[in-house]
Amino acid sequence: MPRPFTIPGNAFVSFDRVEKWFGDLSVVAPSFTLDVQREEFVVFLGPSGCGKTTLMRMVGGLDTPSVGEIRLEGRPIGKPDRRRGMVFQSYSSFPWLTVAGNVAFGMKYRNDLTHAQKRERCAHYLDLVGLTDFADAFPSAVSGGMRQRVAIARTLAAGSDILLMDEPFGALDTQLRESLQVELRRIQQQDTKTIIFVTHDVEEAVFLADRIILFSPRPTHIVAEFDIGAELGAERPLALRDSAAFFELKSRVLALVRNNVETSQ
């Protein structure tokens, strides 16, 4: 069964009675409340246009609530900063920089690091995403999946405490998408980052999440939460997709997603 709704408190990210309007259009229903814990991998799952990306953009400081407040470690979120790194569906590489140059760009304005420390961090995150051998290549010479790994490495190198990912694998073919999902779980475990990940793909949500937040169609409110980590554990090898436990959990989430859509029509 879905978990009870999260009660706000001493969380890493807190949505406190948030509401969002664009003109006369309500995107986030009144009194939206949710907590995200440190080092948690939370997936926002819901139909296209339901408002999940709007919520993520507000965490990133690219948008602001019409009502209510979003807090990071108890402090109201303001303009974008390097603590909150965003990775979008489109490949956001700088074509005039090498792969290593793109990763290093994330540290451009970090005055707390020496040049030597920046080089070390760049090498570390290139290795973490498996791109050491492509450090001197330009984005035009690598695949779409590699460019997406560059974007992830750049965000990590910048020192982001939380990764905000808006359907980053949506444009990739199935095999590459699955490969990067495995890599993202490994990176999150190894680098102990908090991740909010937006998708409308049920299988992707179940494979990646520690916790799934299922949203209604717009104006969005929370329909249910699923504690995926409690049922599948932290390790997510590709073979997990073929297990009975994964299939049963995916079917359960999918049934609720379908019911959610049908009752809204």
C-alpha atoms as a PDB file:
ATOM      1  CA  MET A   1       0.000   0.000   0.000  1.00  0.00           C
ATOM      2  CA  PRO A   2       1.118   3.614  -0.476  1.00  0.00           C
ATOM      3  CA  ARG A   3       2.787   5.263   2.479  1.00  0.00           C
ATOM      4  CA  PRO A   4       0.946   7.928   4.475  1.00  0.00           C
ATOM      5  CA  PHE A   5       1.712  11.446   3.345  1.00  0.00           C
ATOM      6  CA  THR A   6       4.946  12.903   4.696  1.00  0.00           C
ATOM      7  CA  ILE A   7       4.592  15.155   7.717  1.00  0.00           C
ATOM      8  CA  PRO A   8       6.800  18.279   7.464  1.00  0.00           C
ATOM      9  CA  GLY A   9       9.501  18.732  10.038  1.00  0.00           C
ATOM     10  CA  ASN A  10      13.252  18.784  10.321  1.00  0.00           C
ATOM     11  CA  ALA A  11      13.928  17.819   6.671  1.00  0.00           C
ATOM     12  CA  PHE A  12      16.599  18.708   4.130  1.00  0.00           C
ATOM     13  CA  VAL A  13      14.037  20.213   1.716  1.00  0.00           C
ATOM     14  CA  SER A  14      10.595  21.253   2.930  1.00  0.00           C
ATOM     15  CA  PHE A  15       7.582  22.356   0.905  1.00  0.00           C
ATOM     16  CA  ASP A  16       5.456  24.217   3.430  1.00  0.00           C
ATOM     17  CA  ARG A  17       1.845  24.861   2.312  1.00  0.00           C
ATOM     18  CA  VAL A  18       2.969  25.816  -1.191  1.00  0.00           C
ATOM     19  CA  GLU A  19       0.612  27.025  -3.907  1.00  0.00           C
ATOM     20  CA  LYS A  20       1.440  28.150  -7.448  1.00  0.00           C
ATOM     21  CA  TRP A  21      -0.603  30.169  -9.925  1.00  0.00           C
ATOM     22  CA  PHE A  22       0.181  31.320 -13.457  1.00  0.00           C
ATOM     23  CA  GLY A  23      -2.395  34.033 -14.035  1.00  0.00           C
ATOM     24  CA  ASP A  24      -5.776  32.368 -13.437  1.00  0.00           C
ATOM     25  CA  LEU A  25      -4.311  28.854 -13.827  1.00  0.00           C
ATOM     26  CA  SER A  26      -3.674  26.902 -10.635  1.00  0.00           C
ATOM     27  CA  VAL A  27      -0.657  24.625 -11.157  1.00  0.00           C
ATOM     28  CA  VAL A  28       0.025  23.526  -7.573  1.00  0.00           C
ATOM     29  CA  ALA A  29      -3.049  23.006  -5.398  1.00  0.00           C
ATOM     30  CA  PRO A  30      -3.317  24.932  -2.098  1.00  0.00           C
ATOM     31  CA  SER A  31      -1.362  23.756   0.954  1.00  0.00           C
ATOM     32  CA  PHE A  32       1.026  21.433  -0.890  1.00  0.00           C
ATOM     33  CA  THR A  33       3.298  20.028   1.825  1.00  0.00           C
ATOM     34  CA  LEU A  34       6.193  17.588   1.500  1.00  0.00           C
ATOM     35  CA  ASP A  35       9.553  16.776   3.094  1.00  0.00           C
ATOM     36  CA  VAL A  36      12.648  15.394   1.357  1.00  0.00           C
ATOM     37  CA  GLN A  37      15.366  13.936   3.574  1.00  0.00           C
ATOM     38  CA  ARG A  38      19.121  14.348   3.096  1.00  0.00           C
ATOM     39  CA  GLU A  39      20.654  11.763   0.704  1.00  0.00           C
ATOM     40  CA  GLU A  40      17.198  10.597  -0.355  1.00  0.00           C
ATOM     41  CA  PHE A  41      16.411   9.810  -3.996  1.00  0.00           C
ATOM     42  CA  VAL A  42      12.864  11.097  -4.500  1.00  0.00           C
ATOM     43  CA  VAL A  43      11.012  10.684  -7.787  1.00  0.00           C
ATOM     44  CA  PHE A  44       8.137  12.987  -8.718  1.00  0.00           C
ATOM     45  CA  LEU A  45       5.826  10.803 -10.818  1.00  0.00           C
ATOM     46  CA  GLY A  46       2.781  12.094 -12.619  1.00  0.00           C
ATOM     47  CA  PRO A  47       1.167  12.832 -15.978  1.00  0.00           C
ATOM     48  CA  SER A  48       2.653  15.385 -18.355  1.00  0.00           C
ATOM     49  CA  GLY A  49       1.678  18.937 -17.418  1.00  0.00           C
ATOM     50  CA  CYS A  50       0.692  18.065 -13.843  1.00  0.00           C
ATOM     51  CA  GLY A  51       3.071  20.563 -12.230  1.00  0.00           C
ATOM     52  CA  LYS A  52       5.927  18.322 -11.087  1.00  0.00           C
ATOM     53  CA  THR A  53       8.514  20.285 -13.097  1.00  0.00           C
ATOM     54  CA  THR A  54       7.151  23.539 -11.662  1.00  0.00           C
ATOM     55  CA  LEU A  55       7.736  22.194  -8.158  1.00  0.00           C
ATOM     56  CA  MET A  56      11.295  21.191  -9.046  1.00  0.00           C
ATOM     57  CA  ARG A  57      12.002  24.591 -10.637  1.00  0.00           C
ATOM     58  CA  MET A  58      10.867  26.270  -7.427  1.00  0.00           C
ATOM     59  CA  VAL A  59      13.388  24.187  -5.465  1.00  0.00           C
ATOM     60  CA  GLY A  60      16.057  25.333  -7.923  1.00  0.00           C
ATOM     61  CA  GLY A  61      15.094  28.977  -7.497  1.00  0.00           C
ATOM     62  CA  LEU A  62      14.023  29.344 -11.138  1.00  0.00           C
ATOM     63  CA  ASP A  63      10.462  30.023 -10.011  1.00  0.00           C
ATOM     64  CA  THR A  64       8.809  31.103  -6.770  1.00  0.00           C
ATOM     65  CA  PRO A  65       5.687  29.934  -4.915  1.00  0.00           C
ATOM     66  CA  SER A  66       2.616  32.140  -5.130  1.00  0.00           C
ATOM     67  CA  VAL A  67       1.809  31.116  -1.557  1.00  0.00           C
ATOM     68  CA  GLY A  68       3.810  29.247   1.054  1.00  0.00           C
ATOM     69  CA  GLU A  69       7.513  28.587   1.346  1.00  0.00           C
ATOM     70  CA  ILE A  70      10.188  26.104   0.280  1.00  0.00           C
ATOM     71  CA  ARG A  71      13.137  25.677   2.644  1.00  0.00           C
ATOM     72  CA  LEU A  72      16.573  24.091   2.330  1.00  0.00           C
ATOM     73  CA  GLU A  73      17.900  23.011   5.730  1.00  0.00           C
ATOM     74  CA  GLY A  74      15.344  25.268   7.372  1.00  0.00           C
ATOM     75  CA  ARG A  75      16.213  28.390   5.366  1.00  0.00           C
ATOM     76  CA  PRO A  76      13.915  29.852   2.684  1.00  0.00           C
ATOM     77  CA  ILE A  77      15.122  29.109  -0.840  1.00  0.00           C
ATOM     78  CA  GLY A  78      16.162  32.133  -2.867  1.00  0.00           C
ATOM     79  CA  LYS A  79      17.845  32.617  -6.209  1.00  0.00           C
ATOM     80  CA  PRO A  80      19.725  29.736  -7.886  1.00  0.00           C
ATOM     81  CA  ASP A  81      23.073  28.809  -6.359  1.00  0.00           C
ATOM     82  CA  ARG A  82      25.596  26.000  -6.721  1.00  0.00           C
ATOM     83  CA  ARG A  83      24.071  24.042  -3.829  1.00  0.00           C
ATOM     84  CA  ARG A  84      21.155  23.211  -6.128  1.00  0.00           C
ATOM     85  CA  GLY A  85      22.291  21.762  -9.452  1.00  0.00           C
ATOM     86  CA  MET A  86      19.866  21.176 -12.314  1.00  0.00           C
ATOM     87  CA  VAL A  87      20.101  18.619 -15.131  1.00  0.00           C
ATOM     88  CA  PHE A  88      17.542  18.907 -17.918  1.00  0.00           C
ATOM     89  CA  GLN A  89      16.389  16.579 -20.696  1.00  0.00           C
ATOM     90  CA  SER A  90      18.309  18.560 -23.314  1.00  0.00           C
ATOM     91  CA  TYR A  91      22.072  18.084 -23.433  1.00  0.00           C
ATOM     92  CA  SER A  92      23.479  21.247 -21.857  1.00  0.00           C
ATOM     93  CA  SER A  93      27.134  20.991 -22.869  1.00  0.00           C
ATOM     94  CA  PHE A  94      29.219  23.923 -24.059  1.00  0.00           C
ATOM     95  CA  PRO A  95      30.327  22.867 -27.559  1.00  0.00           C
ATOM     96  CA  TRP A  96      33.502  25.014 -27.515  1.00  0.00           C
ATOM     97  CA  LEU A  97      34.807  23.286 -24.370  1.00  0.00           C
ATOM     98  CA  THR A  98      36.183  19.768 -24.061  1.00  0.00           C
ATOM     99  CA  VAL A  99      34.484  17.198 -21.846  1.00  0.00           C
ATOM    100  CA  ALA A 100      36.946  18.076 -19.063  1.00  0.00           C
ATOM    101  CA  GLY A 101      36.429  21.785 -19.731  1.00  0.00           C
ATOM    102  CA  ASN A 102      32.674  21.369 -19.361  1.00  0.00           C
ATOM    103  CA  VAL A 103      33.077  19.596 -16.019  1.00  0.00           C
ATOM    104  CA  ALA A 104      35.567  22.209 -14.813  1.00  0.00           C
ATOM    105  CA  PHE A 105      33.155  24.998 -15.785  1.00  0.00           C
ATOM    106  CA  GLY A 106      30.959  23.967 -12.876  1.00  0.00           C
ATOM    107  CA  MET A 107      33.711  25.147 -10.531  1.00  0.00           C
ATOM    108  CA  LYS A 108      34.473  28.398 -12.355  1.00  0.00           C
ATOM    109  CA  TYR A 109      33.164  30.644  -9.587  1.00  0.00           C
ATOM    110  CA  ARG A 110      34.354  28.560  -6.646  1.00  0.00           C
ATOM    111  CA  ASN A 111      36.922  30.753  -4.907  1.00  0.00           C
ATOM    112  CA  ASP A 112      37.231  28.254  -2.070  1.00  0.00           C
ATOM    113  CA  LEU A 113      39.179  25.826  -4.266  1.00  0.00           C
ATOM    114  CA  THR A 114      42.738  26.110  -5.571  1.00  0.00           C
ATOM    115  CA  HIS A 115      43.527  25.334  -9.215  1.00  0.00           C
ATOM    116  CA  ALA A 116      45.038  22.042  -8.093  1.00  0.00           C
ATOM    117  CA  GLN A 117      41.895  21.117  -6.138  1.00  0.00           C
ATOM    118  CA  LYS A 118      39.734  21.947  -9.138  1.00  0.00           C
ATOM    119  CA  ARG A 119      41.850  19.685 -11.343  1.00  0.00           C
ATOM    120  CA  GLU A 120      41.538  16.888  -8.771  1.00  0.00           C
ATOM    121  CA  ARG A 121      37.772  17.292  -8.552  1.00  0.00           C
ATOM    122  CA  CYS A 122      37.458  17.358 -12.323  1.00  0.00           C
ATOM    123  CA  ALA A 123      39.437  14.117 -12.605  1.00  0.00           C
ATOM    124  CA  HIS A 124      37.418  12.536  -9.791  1.00  0.00           C
ATOM    125  CA  TYR A 125      34.037  13.252 -11.368  1.00  0.00           C
ATOM    126  CA  LEU A 126      35.173  12.305 -14.855  1.00  0.00           C
ATOM    127  CA  ASP A 127      36.163   8.943 -13.390  1.00  0.00           C
ATOM    128  CA  LEU A 128      32.891   8.701 -11.446  1.00  0.00           C
ATOM    129  CA  VAL A 129      30.805   9.015 -14.620  1.00  0.00           C
ATOM    130  CA  GLY A 130      33.179   6.876 -16.703  1.00  0.00           C
ATOM    131  CA  LEU A 131      34.485   9.618 -19.006  1.00  0.00           C
ATOM    132  CA  THR A 132      38.197   9.783 -18.137  1.00  0.00           C
ATOM    133  CA  ASP A 133      39.176   8.448 -21.563  1.00  0.00           C
ATOM    134  CA  PHE A 134      37.108  11.182 -23.242  1.00  0.00           C
ATOM    135  CA  ALA A 135      38.400  14.130 -21.190  1.00  0.00           C
ATOM    136  CA  ASP A 136      39.962  15.859 -24.222  1.00  0.00           C
ATOM    137  CA  ALA A 137      37.092  15.180 -26.627  1.00  0.00           C
ATOM    138  CA  PHE A 138      34.580  17.836 -27.607  1.00  0.00           C
ATOM    139  CA  PRO A 139      30.840  17.256 -27.051  1.00  0.00           C
ATOM    140  CA  SER A 140      30.212  16.872 -30.783  1.00  0.00           C
ATOM    141  CA  ALA A 141      32.479  13.806 -30.767  1.00  0.00           C
ATOM    142  CA  VAL A 142      30.670  11.901 -27.996  1.00  0.00           C
ATOM    143  CA  SER A 143      27.238  10.299 -27.737  1.00  0.00           C
ATOM    144  CA  GLY A 144      24.100  11.814 -26.264  1.00  0.00           C
ATOM    145  CA  GLY A 145      24.407   9.589 -23.232  1.00  0.00           C
ATOM    146  CA  MET A 146      27.970  10.770 -22.653  1.00  0.00           C
ATOM    147  CA  ARG A 147      26.898  14.403 -22.927  1.00  0.00           C
ATOM    148  CA  GLN A 148      24.264  13.761 -20.282  1.00  0.00           C
ATOM    149  CA  ARG A 149      26.936  12.230 -18.042  1.00  0.00           C
ATOM    150  CA  VAL A 150      29.027  15.372 -18.621  1.00  0.00           C
ATOM    151  CA  ALA A 151      26.110  17.473 -17.352  1.00  0.00           C
ATOM    152  CA  ILE A 152      25.801  15.285 -14.243  1.00  0.00           C
ATOM    153  CA  ALA A 153      29.565  15.435 -13.571  1.00  0.00           C
ATOM    154  CA  ARG A 154      29.592  19.229 -13.996  1.00  0.00           C
ATOM    155  CA  THR A 155      26.759  19.588 -11.484  1.00  0.00           C
ATOM    156  CA  LEU A 156      28.489  17.306  -8.980  1.00  0.00           C
ATOM    157  CA  ALA A 157      31.841  19.074  -9.411  1.00  0.00           C
ATOM    158  CA  ALA A 158      30.186  22.415  -8.690  1.00  0.00           C
ATOM    159  CA  GLY A 159      29.548  21.143  -5.177  1.00  0.00           C
ATOM    160  CA  SER A 160      25.778  20.800  -5.441  1.00  0.00           C
ATOM    161  CA  ASP A 161      24.155  19.261  -2.365  1.00  0.00           C
ATOM    162  CA  ILE A 162      21.000  18.428  -4.267  1.00  0.00           C
ATOM    163  CA  LEU A 163      20.507  17.361  -7.886  1.00  0.00           C
ATOM    164  CA  LEU A 164      17.281  18.425  -9.591  1.00  0.00           C
ATOM    165  CA  MET A 165      16.747  16.271 -12.667  1.00  0.00           C
ATOM    166  CA  ASP A 166      13.923  16.968 -15.127  1.00  0.00           C
ATOM    167  CA  GLU A 167      13.422  13.823 -17.276  1.00  0.00           C
ATOM    168  CA  PRO A 168      17.163  13.776 -18.105  1.00  0.00           C
ATOM    169  CA  PHE A 169      16.971  10.440 -19.946  1.00  0.00           C
ATOM    170  CA  GLY A 170      13.721  11.067 -21.813  1.00  0.00           C
ATOM    171  CA  ALA A 171      15.306  11.547 -25.239  1.00  0.00           C
ATOM    172  CA  LEU A 172      17.568   8.483 -25.068  1.00  0.00           C
ATOM    173  CA  ASP A 173      17.004   5.021 -26.517  1.00  0.00           C
ATOM    174  CA  THR A 174      15.926   2.254 -24.142  1.00  0.00           C
ATOM    175  CA  GLN A 175      19.307   0.531 -23.769  1.00  0.00           C
ATOM    176  CA  LEU A 176      21.195   3.748 -23.048  1.00  0.00           C
ATOM    177  CA  ARG A 177      18.455   4.990 -20.753  1.00  0.00           C
ATOM    178  CA  GLU A 178      18.635   1.829 -18.647  1.00  0.00           C
ATOM    179  CA  SER A 179      22.431   2.006 -18.520  1.00  0.00           C
ATOM    180  CA  LEU A 180      22.375   5.607 -17.261  1.00  0.00           C
ATOM    181  CA  GLN A 181      19.715   4.776 -14.687  1.00  0.00           C
ATOM    182  CA  VAL A 182      22.053   2.162 -13.215  1.00  0.00           C
ATOM    183  CA  GLU A 183      24.917   4.677 -13.309  1.00  0.00           C
ATOM    184  CA  LEU A 184      22.849   7.373 -11.604  1.00  0.00           C
ATOM    185  CA  ARG A 185      21.927   5.083  -8.719  1.00  0.00           C
ATOM    186  CA  ARG A 186      25.597   4.108  -8.338  1.00  0.00           C
ATOM    187  CA  ILE A 187      26.722   7.756  -8.374  1.00  0.00           C
ATOM    188  CA  GLN A 188      24.068   8.765  -5.866  1.00  0.00           C
ATOM    189  CA  GLN A 189      25.138   5.971  -3.513  1.00  0.00           C
ATOM    190  CA  GLN A 190      28.850   6.719  -3.899  1.00  0.00           C
ATOM    191  CA  ASP A 191      28.612  10.522  -3.749  1.00  0.00           C
ATOM    192  CA  THR A 192      25.766  10.610  -1.173  1.00  0.00           C
ATOM    193  CA  LYS A 193      23.681  13.251  -2.924  1.00  0.00           C
ATOM    194  CA  THR A 194      20.051  14.182  -2.471  1.00  0.00           C
ATOM    195  CA  ILE A 195      18.180  13.839  -5.768  1.00  0.00           C
ATOM    196  CA  ILE A 196      14.750  15.006  -6.900  1.00  0.00           C
ATOM    197  CA  PHE A 197      13.981  13.359 -10.219  1.00  0.00           C
ATOM    198  CA  VAL A 198      10.978  14.183 -12.424  1.00  0.00           C
ATOM    199  CA  THR A 199       9.457  11.560 -14.738  1.00  0.00           C
ATOM    200  CA  HIS A 200       6.140  10.244 -16.045  1.00  0.00           C
ATOM    201  CA  ASP A 201       7.656   6.779 -16.693  1.00  0.00           C
ATOM    202  CA  VAL A 202       6.531   4.271 -14.027  1.00  0.00           C
ATOM    203  CA  GLU A 203       9.290   1.726 -14.646  1.00  0.00           C
ATOM    204  CA  GLU A 204      11.977   4.417 -14.441  1.00  0.00           C
ATOM    205  CA  ALA A 205      10.456   5.750 -11.225  1.00  0.00           C
ATOM    206  CA  VAL A 206      10.361   2.339  -9.535  1.00  0.00           C
ATOM    207  CA  PHE A 207      13.906   1.466 -10.596  1.00  0.00           C
ATOM    208  CA  LEU A 208      15.464   4.746  -9.418  1.00  0.00           C
ATOM    209  CA  ALA A 209      13.555   5.891  -6.370  1.00  0.00           C
ATOM    210  CA  ASP A 210      14.006   5.507  -2.673  1.00  0.00           C
ATOM    211  CA  ARG A 211      10.554   7.073  -2.537  1.00  0.00           C
ATOM    212  CA  ILE A 212       7.979   7.874  -5.228  1.00  0.00           C
ATOM    213  CA  ILE A 213       5.625  10.826  -4.851  1.00  0.00           C
ATOM    214  CA  LEU A 214       2.618  10.284  -7.117  1.00  0.00           C
ATOM    215  CA  PHE A 215       0.942  13.475  -8.270  1.00  0.00           C
ATOM    216  CA  SER A 216      -2.547  14.126  -9.563  1.00  0.00           C
ATOM    217  CA  PRO A 217      -3.265  15.918 -12.836  1.00  0.00           C
ATOM    218  CA  ARG A 218      -3.086  19.730 -12.555  1.00  0.00           C
ATOM    219  CA  PRO A 219      -3.543  21.404 -10.140  1.00  0.00           C
ATOM    220  CA  THR A 220      -1.155  18.961  -8.555  1.00  0.00           C
ATOM    221  CA  HIS A 221      -1.588  17.418  -5.156  1.00  0.00           C
ATOM    222  CA  ILE A 222      -0.084  14.259  -3.667  1.00  0.00           C
ATOM    223  CA  VAL A 223      -2.125  11.143  -4.414  1.00  0.00           C
ATOM    224  CA  ALA A 224       0.197   8.623  -2.722  1.00  0.00           C
ATOM    225  CA  GLU A 225       3.756   7.871  -1.647  1.00  0.00           C
ATOM    226  CA  PHE A 226       5.630   4.593  -2.117  1.00  0.00           C
ATOM    227  CA  ASP A 227       8.621   3.564   0.006  1.00  0.00           C
ATOM    228  CA  ILE A 228      10.505   1.812  -2.795  1.00  0.00           C
ATOM    229  CA  GLY A 229      13.743   1.507  -0.838  1.00  0.00           C
ATOM    230  CA  ALA A 230      12.028  -0.544   1.867  1.00  0.00           C
ATOM    231  CA  GLU A 231      10.854  -3.067  -0.732  1.00  0.00           C
ATOM    232  CA  LEU A 232      13.737  -3.185  -3.217  1.00  0.00           C
ATOM    233  CA  GLY A 233      16.737  -2.100  -1.141  1.00  0.00           C
ATOM    234  CA  ALA A 234      19.486   0.334  -2.118  1.00  0.00           C
ATOM    235  CA  GLU A 235      21.290  -1.745  -4.744  1.00  0.00           C
ATOM    236  CA  ARG A 236      19.680  -1.558  -8.191  1.00  0.00           C
ATOM    237  CA  PRO A 237      21.420  -3.875 -10.686  1.00  0.00           C
ATOM    238  CA  LEU A 238      19.859  -4.074 -14.132  1.00  0.00           C
ATOM    239  CA  ALA A 239      18.783  -7.671 -13.440  1.00  0.00           C
ATOM    240  CA  LEU A 240      16.416  -6.346 -10.763  1.00  0.00           C
ATOM    241  CA  ARG A 241      13.994  -5.370 -13.533  1.00  0.00           C
ATOM    242  CA  ASP A 242      13.397  -9.066 -14.238  1.00  0.00           C
ATOM    243  CA  SER A 243      12.587  -9.976 -10.646  1.00  0.00           C
ATOM    244  CA  ALA A 244       9.122 -10.826  -9.348  1.00  0.00           C
ATOM    245  CA  ALA A 245       9.433  -8.173  -6.624  1.00  0.00           C
ATOM    246  CA  PHE A 246      10.130  -5.434  -9.181  1.00  0.00           C
ATOM    247  CA  PHE A 247       7.290  -6.546 -11.455  1.00  0.00           C
ATOM    248  CA  GLU A 248       4.805  -6.705  -8.584  1.00  0.00           C
ATOM    249  CA  LEU A 249       5.762  -3.264  -7.291  1.00  0.00           C
ATOM    250  CA  LYS A 250       5.689  -1.719 -10.757  1.00  0.00           C
ATOM    251  CA  SER A 251       2.231  -3.206 -11.367  1.00  0.00           C
ATOM    252  CA  ARG A 252       0.980  -1.804  -8.076  1.00  0.00           C
ATOM    253  CA  VAL A 253       2.241   1.698  -8.843  1.00  0.00           C
ATOM    254  CA  LEU A 254       0.951   1.538 -12.422  1.00  0.00           C
ATOM    255  CA  ALA A 255      -2.532   0.509 -11.250  1.00  0.00           C
ATOM    256  CA  LEU A 256      -2.704   3.550  -8.992  1.00  0.00           C
ATOM    257  CA  VAL A 257      -1.392   5.808 -11.768  1.00  0.00           C
ATOM    258  CA  ARG A 258      -4.100   4.559 -14.128  1.00  0.00           C
ATOM    259  CA  ASN A 259      -6.803   4.949 -11.513  1.00  0.00           C
ATOM    260  CA  ASN A 260      -5.539   8.459 -10.772  1.00  0.00           C
ATOM    261  CA  VAL A 261      -5.887   9.447 -14.440  1.00  0.00           C
ATOM    262  CA  GLU A 262      -9.293   7.804 -14.874  1.00  0.00           C
ATOM    263  CA  THR A 263     -10.829   9.448 -11.796  1.00  0.00           C
ATOM    264  CA  SER A 264      -9.624  12.872 -12.966  1.00  0.00           C
ATOM    265  CA  GLN A 265     -11.409  12.609 -16.331  1.00  0.00           C
END
